Each structure stands twice: as C-alpha cells, then as structure tokens.
Amino acid sequence: MAEITIYVSEERYNQLLEKGFDSSLGYYFHNVAVMCMAYDTGNARSAISLTRNTPKLIQIDYNLLKANYIKFLEEGIGPVKKHKGMISVVTVGAIGEQLVGWLLTGSNPTFTSPPVVALRTSQYRPFMAKSSVTGLSERDVLRQAGMYDKAISASARKEVSKIREYAYQTAIGGKIQNKMGQRTETTKLEGNYTPHGNRGIGILRNQVQQRKAEYKASREIE
C-alpha cells in the first residue's frame, strides 16, 4: 500500500493531535461508502454500517451475512465484473480525497445525516451463478423455497444471502461477522412492485433459521 505524506501548519497539527477525527467525518464517510456501492435492489447498500466513529478510529463495515455477494462484486468474480474494486479502489479513493481535504483545512462536512437507500425489485433475473463451495445460486434457493424465481426483491435477496452465507461459512469452518453500528436507513421505492416477488418469504426465513442452527452446531464441534 502506498504511503502519502501530508504537510499541515503547526497550528493544524496540534489541533489534530488534541482532537483527532471529528465525528462528522464518520457520518459523511458512511454516506460516501453507500453512494459508491453498486445499486440494484438496494440490499447491498443497506448492508453498510458505521461501526466505529471515534477521534482515533472511523470504521465502516459491509455485512456479508446480509449481502454476501458484495465480496464477489468487489473481486470481480462471477457474471458481473464491472464493479471490481468498487470498495478497495473507488470507495477508498473517494474517502481518501475527502480526508486529505479535511486534514488540510479542518472544514467539517455539513452532510452528516444517516444514508438512506430506496429498496426495489431487481432489474435483472436472480443470479444463476452457483457457489463453488455450496453449489447454491440465488435462483436455486428461491426454487427450493417454492418461490417465484424470475425476479427478486430486496427483502428476498437479503434472506437468500443469509442462507448462502451460513451455508458457506459452515462448509469452510468460517465465522460470521455481524457488527453493530449506525445502519443505513431504508425506504421502499414507490411504484416498484413485481407480482409474486415476496410470496413465500416466510419459508426463506425458516430456512435461514435452519442454516443458522447448522452453522452454530458446526462451531460447537470445533
């Protein structure tokens, strides 16, 4: 990783030593991270949270339990490759640029309200790409639940993601990360509706609980 040296006045340097990051930075960076995330149903954007916002540390987390496909989009793995580097390059670059400006000027962001994302039905059909570990695709999970598999809503995508992530972490002996913090607020996109889109979502939620129980059981065996 490249290092960057930033020169500030002695007065500004002493201010930084004494006060550290202003809390408005964390709130603003949360908004930046959400705006840089790919947007289809809005589920991935809703999975971003501000988990630490202190004078010494600002931390933004991506909840892979809620949107496990974020890692595939970021790495350019699977059928959708255009979002490769959207976190490590695009988001980090945008936040870094704003941070440098703040370090130099001390001018705090004024837009610090929690980010809001409008949830909607996907503009595309559910993903058919299967996990190399679990063999599960989005469409597979919907079909197993007896749900309409030609479209997927944000709510259904979230539950499908949980099923796939619990199955994946169980298979590899991994650990689910689910940190708390300021979450991205959500609203429904008015007029956006697909027939059958959420019918049977209760079955998905039951399957989430089953996968969660299997995951916990696998952790206890270790």
Protein backbone atom coordinates (compact mmCIF):
# COMPACT_ATOMS: atom_id res chain seq x y z
CA MET A 1 0.00 0.00 0.00
CA ALA A 2 1.37 3.41 -0.96
CA GLU A 3 2.13 5.92 1.77
CA ILE A 4 1.08 9.56 1.49
CA THR A 5 2.71 12.40 3.40
CA ILE A 6 0.52 15.43 4.12
CA TYR A 7 2.04 18.67 5.35
CA VAL A 8 -0.08 20.92 7.57
CA SER A 9 0.59 24.03 9.59
CA GLU A 10 1.86 23.68 13.14
CA GLU A 11 -1.44 25.01 14.44
CA ARG A 12 -3.41 22.45 12.47
CA TYR A 13 -1.03 19.68 13.54
CA ASN A 14 -1.61 20.49 17.19
CA GLN A 15 -5.38 20.56 16.61
CA LEU A 16 -5.23 17.08 15.10
CA LEU A 17 -3.15 15.76 17.99
CA GLU A 18 -5.54 17.20 20.55
CA LYS A 19 -8.93 16.44 18.99
CA GLY A 20 -8.41 13.73 16.39
CA PHE A 21 -11.17 12.97 13.89
CA ASP A 22 -14.38 14.96 14.10
CA SER A 23 -17.47 12.73 14.36
CA SER A 24 -18.98 14.44 11.30
CA LEU A 25 -16.30 12.72 9.20
CA GLY A 26 -17.55 9.25 10.09
CA TYR A 27 -21.12 10.13 9.24
CA TYR A 28 -20.06 11.66 5.94
CA PHE A 29 -17.82 8.71 5.01
CA HIS A 30 -20.74 6.36 5.70
CA ASN A 31 -22.73 8.26 3.08
CA VAL A 32 -19.81 8.10 0.63
CA ALA A 33 -19.49 4.32 1.07
CA VAL A 34 -23.20 3.85 0.40
CA MET A 35 -23.15 6.03 -2.71
CA CYS A 36 -20.14 4.15 -4.12
CA MET A 37 -21.82 0.74 -3.68
CA ALA A 38 -23.46 -0.93 -6.69
CA TYR A 39 -27.23 -0.38 -6.71
CA ASP A 40 -29.76 -2.92 -7.95
CA THR A 41 -32.24 -3.83 -5.21
CA GLY A 42 -30.54 -1.60 -2.64
CA ASN A 43 -29.85 -4.56 -0.35
CA ALA A 44 -26.06 -4.22 -0.68
CA ARG A 45 -26.22 -0.52 0.20
CA SER A 46 -28.40 -1.29 3.22
CA ALA A 47 -25.70 -3.74 4.43
CA ILE A 48 -23.19 -0.93 5.04
CA SER A 49 -22.86 0.45 8.56
CA LEU A 50 -20.68 2.83 10.54
CA THR A 51 -19.43 0.63 13.39
CA ARG A 52 -16.78 2.91 14.92
CA ASN A 53 -16.69 6.70 14.95
CA THR A 54 -14.17 7.94 17.49
CA PRO A 55 -11.42 10.60 17.47
CA LYS A 56 -8.89 7.84 16.71
CA LEU A 57 -10.81 5.40 14.53
CA ILE A 58 -13.53 5.53 11.88
CA GLN A 59 -14.67 2.09 10.76
CA ILE A 60 -17.19 1.19 8.08
CA ASP A 61 -18.35 -2.42 7.76
CA TYR A 62 -20.02 -4.39 4.99
CA ASN A 63 -22.38 -7.03 6.39
CA LEU A 64 -21.76 -10.11 4.23
CA LEU A 65 -24.46 -12.06 6.04
CA LYS A 66 -27.00 -9.59 4.68
CA ALA A 67 -25.33 -9.21 1.26
CA ASN A 68 -22.76 -11.97 0.77
CA TYR A 69 -22.42 -11.16 -2.93
CA ILE A 70 -20.59 -7.91 -2.11
CA LYS A 71 -17.34 -9.88 -1.95
CA PHE A 72 -17.90 -11.27 -5.45
CA LEU A 73 -18.71 -7.85 -6.89
CA GLU A 74 -15.62 -6.33 -5.24
CA GLU A 75 -13.34 -9.10 -6.54
CA GLY A 76 -14.92 -9.25 -9.99
CA ILE A 77 -15.82 -12.92 -9.57
CA GLY A 78 -18.90 -14.27 -11.33
CA PRO A 79 -21.06 -12.89 -14.13
CA VAL A 80 -20.91 -9.22 -13.02
CA LYS A 81 -17.36 -7.87 -13.30
CA LYS A 82 -17.91 -4.15 -13.85
CA HIS A 83 -17.88 -3.39 -10.11
CA LYS A 84 -14.45 -4.88 -9.40
CA GLY A 85 -12.57 -2.65 -6.94
CA MET A 86 -15.65 -0.64 -6.01
CA ILE A 87 -14.57 -0.73 -2.34
CA SER A 88 -10.76 -1.01 -2.43
CA VAL A 89 -10.34 1.49 -5.27
CA VAL A 90 -13.46 3.63 -5.78
CA THR A 91 -14.69 3.96 -2.18
CA VAL A 92 -11.25 4.18 -0.58
CA GLY A 93 -10.21 6.75 -3.16
CA ALA A 94 -13.30 8.91 -2.62
CA ILE A 95 -12.96 8.80 1.16
CA GLY A 96 -9.20 9.41 0.98
CA GLU A 97 -9.70 12.51 -1.14
CA GLN A 98 -12.19 13.95 1.34
CA LEU A 99 -9.97 13.05 4.28
CA VAL A 100 -6.98 14.88 2.81
CA GLY A 101 -9.14 17.98 2.34
CA TRP A 102 -10.25 17.82 5.96
CA LEU A 103 -6.71 17.29 7.28
CA LEU A 104 -5.54 20.38 5.42
CA THR A 105 -8.44 22.73 6.12
CA GLY A 106 -10.25 21.44 9.20
CA SER A 107 -13.55 22.21 7.47
CA ASN A 108 -16.08 19.65 8.74
CA PRO A 109 -18.66 18.08 6.37
CA THR A 110 -22.15 19.51 6.65
CA PHE A 111 -23.97 16.50 5.19
CA THR A 112 -23.98 14.08 8.14
CA SER A 113 -27.48 12.59 8.17
CA PRO A 114 -27.68 8.76 8.10
CA PRO A 115 -27.67 7.50 4.50
CA VAL A 116 -30.99 6.30 3.09
CA VAL A 117 -31.48 3.77 0.30
CA ALA A 118 -34.69 3.01 -1.59
CA LEU A 119 -35.27 -0.74 -1.77
CA ARG A 120 -36.70 -2.10 -5.00
CA THR A 121 -37.17 -5.25 -7.06
CA SER A 122 -34.11 -6.21 -9.08
CA GLN A 123 -33.93 -5.01 -12.66
CA TYR A 124 -32.40 -8.37 -13.55
CA ARG A 125 -33.26 -12.01 -13.02
CA PRO A 126 -31.86 -13.69 -9.89
CA PHE A 127 -28.25 -14.81 -10.25
CA MET A 128 -27.80 -18.30 -11.69
CA ALA A 129 -24.07 -18.47 -10.84
CA LYS A 130 -23.51 -21.19 -8.26
CA SER A 131 -21.14 -21.02 -5.30
CA SER A 132 -18.08 -23.17 -5.90
CA VAL A 133 -18.34 -24.34 -2.27
CA THR A 134 -22.07 -24.82 -1.60
CA GLY A 135 -23.37 -25.18 -5.15
CA LEU A 136 -26.14 -22.72 -4.35
CA SER A 137 -27.20 -19.85 -6.61
CA GLU A 138 -29.84 -17.23 -5.83
CA ARG A 139 -32.25 -18.99 -8.17
CA ASP A 140 -31.55 -22.36 -6.53
CA VAL A 141 -32.50 -21.01 -3.10
CA LEU A 142 -35.69 -19.41 -4.41
CA ARG A 143 -36.71 -22.64 -6.15
CA GLN A 144 -36.03 -24.71 -3.06
CA ALA A 145 -38.35 -22.39 -1.14
CA GLY A 146 -41.04 -22.74 -3.82
CA MET A 147 -40.84 -19.02 -4.59
CA TYR A 148 -41.19 -17.15 -7.86
CA ASP A 149 -37.70 -17.38 -9.39
CA LYS A 150 -37.87 -14.93 -12.29
CA ALA A 151 -37.47 -11.83 -10.10
CA ILE A 152 -36.11 -10.98 -6.68
CA SER A 153 -36.91 -8.17 -4.25
CA ALA A 154 -34.50 -6.57 -1.78
CA SER A 155 -36.16 -8.43 1.11
CA ALA A 156 -35.90 -11.79 -0.63
CA ARG A 157 -32.30 -11.12 -1.68
CA LYS A 158 -31.36 -10.42 1.93
CA GLU A 159 -32.82 -13.73 3.14
CA VAL A 160 -31.26 -15.64 0.23
CA SER A 161 -27.91 -14.07 1.09
CA LYS A 162 -28.20 -15.23 4.70
CA ILE A 163 -28.92 -18.79 3.59
CA ARG A 164 -25.95 -18.82 1.22
CA GLU A 165 -23.56 -17.21 3.70
CA TYR A 166 -24.49 -19.52 6.58
CA ALA A 167 -24.05 -22.50 4.23
CA TYR A 168 -20.70 -21.18 3.01
CA GLN A 169 -19.26 -20.45 6.47
CA THR A 170 -20.48 -23.83 7.74
CA ALA A 171 -18.75 -25.58 4.83
CA ILE A 172 -15.39 -23.83 5.28
CA GLY A 173 -15.46 -23.62 9.09
CA GLY A 174 -15.52 -19.84 8.94
CA LYS A 175 -17.03 -17.23 11.22
CA ILE A 176 -19.98 -14.94 10.62
CA GLN A 177 -19.19 -11.26 11.12
CA ASN A 178 -22.17 -9.13 12.12
CA LYS A 179 -21.11 -5.89 13.80
CA MET A 180 -23.48 -3.31 15.18
CA GLY A 181 -23.37 0.40 14.49
CA GLN A 182 -25.18 3.16 12.66
CA ARG A 183 -27.00 1.34 9.90
CA THR A 184 -28.12 2.60 6.53
CA GLU A 185 -31.78 3.55 6.68
CA THR A 186 -34.15 2.11 4.10
CA THR A 187 -37.36 3.06 2.35
CA LYS A 188 -39.37 1.37 -0.37
CA LEU A 189 -39.27 2.74 -3.90
CA GLU A 190 -42.78 3.94 -4.61
CA GLY A 191 -44.49 2.18 -7.51
CA ASN A 192 -41.83 -0.53 -7.73
CA TYR A 193 -43.62 -3.86 -7.47
CA THR A 194 -43.25 -7.28 -9.06
CA PRO A 195 -46.08 -9.83 -8.73
CA HIS A 196 -45.13 -12.84 -6.58
CA GLY A 197 -41.86 -11.11 -5.60
CA ASN A 198 -42.19 -11.70 -1.85
CA ARG A 199 -44.70 -14.52 -1.67
CA GLY A 200 -43.29 -17.34 0.41
CA ILE A 201 -40.63 -15.20 2.06
CA GLY A 202 -41.62 -16.77 5.37
CA ILE A 203 -40.26 -20.07 4.02
CA LEU A 204 -36.96 -18.36 3.28
CA ARG A 205 -36.82 -17.02 6.83
CA ASN A 206 -37.44 -20.50 8.22
CA GLN A 207 -34.60 -21.81 6.07
CA VAL A 208 -32.36 -19.05 7.41
CA GLN A 209 -33.01 -20.31 10.93
CA GLN A 210 -32.22 -23.88 9.87
CA ARG A 211 -28.95 -22.81 8.25
CA LYS A 212 -28.10 -20.72 11.31
CA ALA A 213 -28.67 -23.74 13.58
CA GLU A 214 -26.41 -25.87 11.36
CA TYR A 215 -23.76 -23.16 11.49
CA LYS A 216 -23.91 -22.94 15.29
CA ALA A 217 -23.73 -26.73 15.58
CA SER A 218 -20.62 -26.79 13.39
CA ARG A 219 -18.98 -24.15 15.60
CA GLU A 220 -19.68 -26.18 18.74
CA ILE A 221 -17.97 -29.24 17.26
CA GLU A 222 -14.69 -27.36 16.75
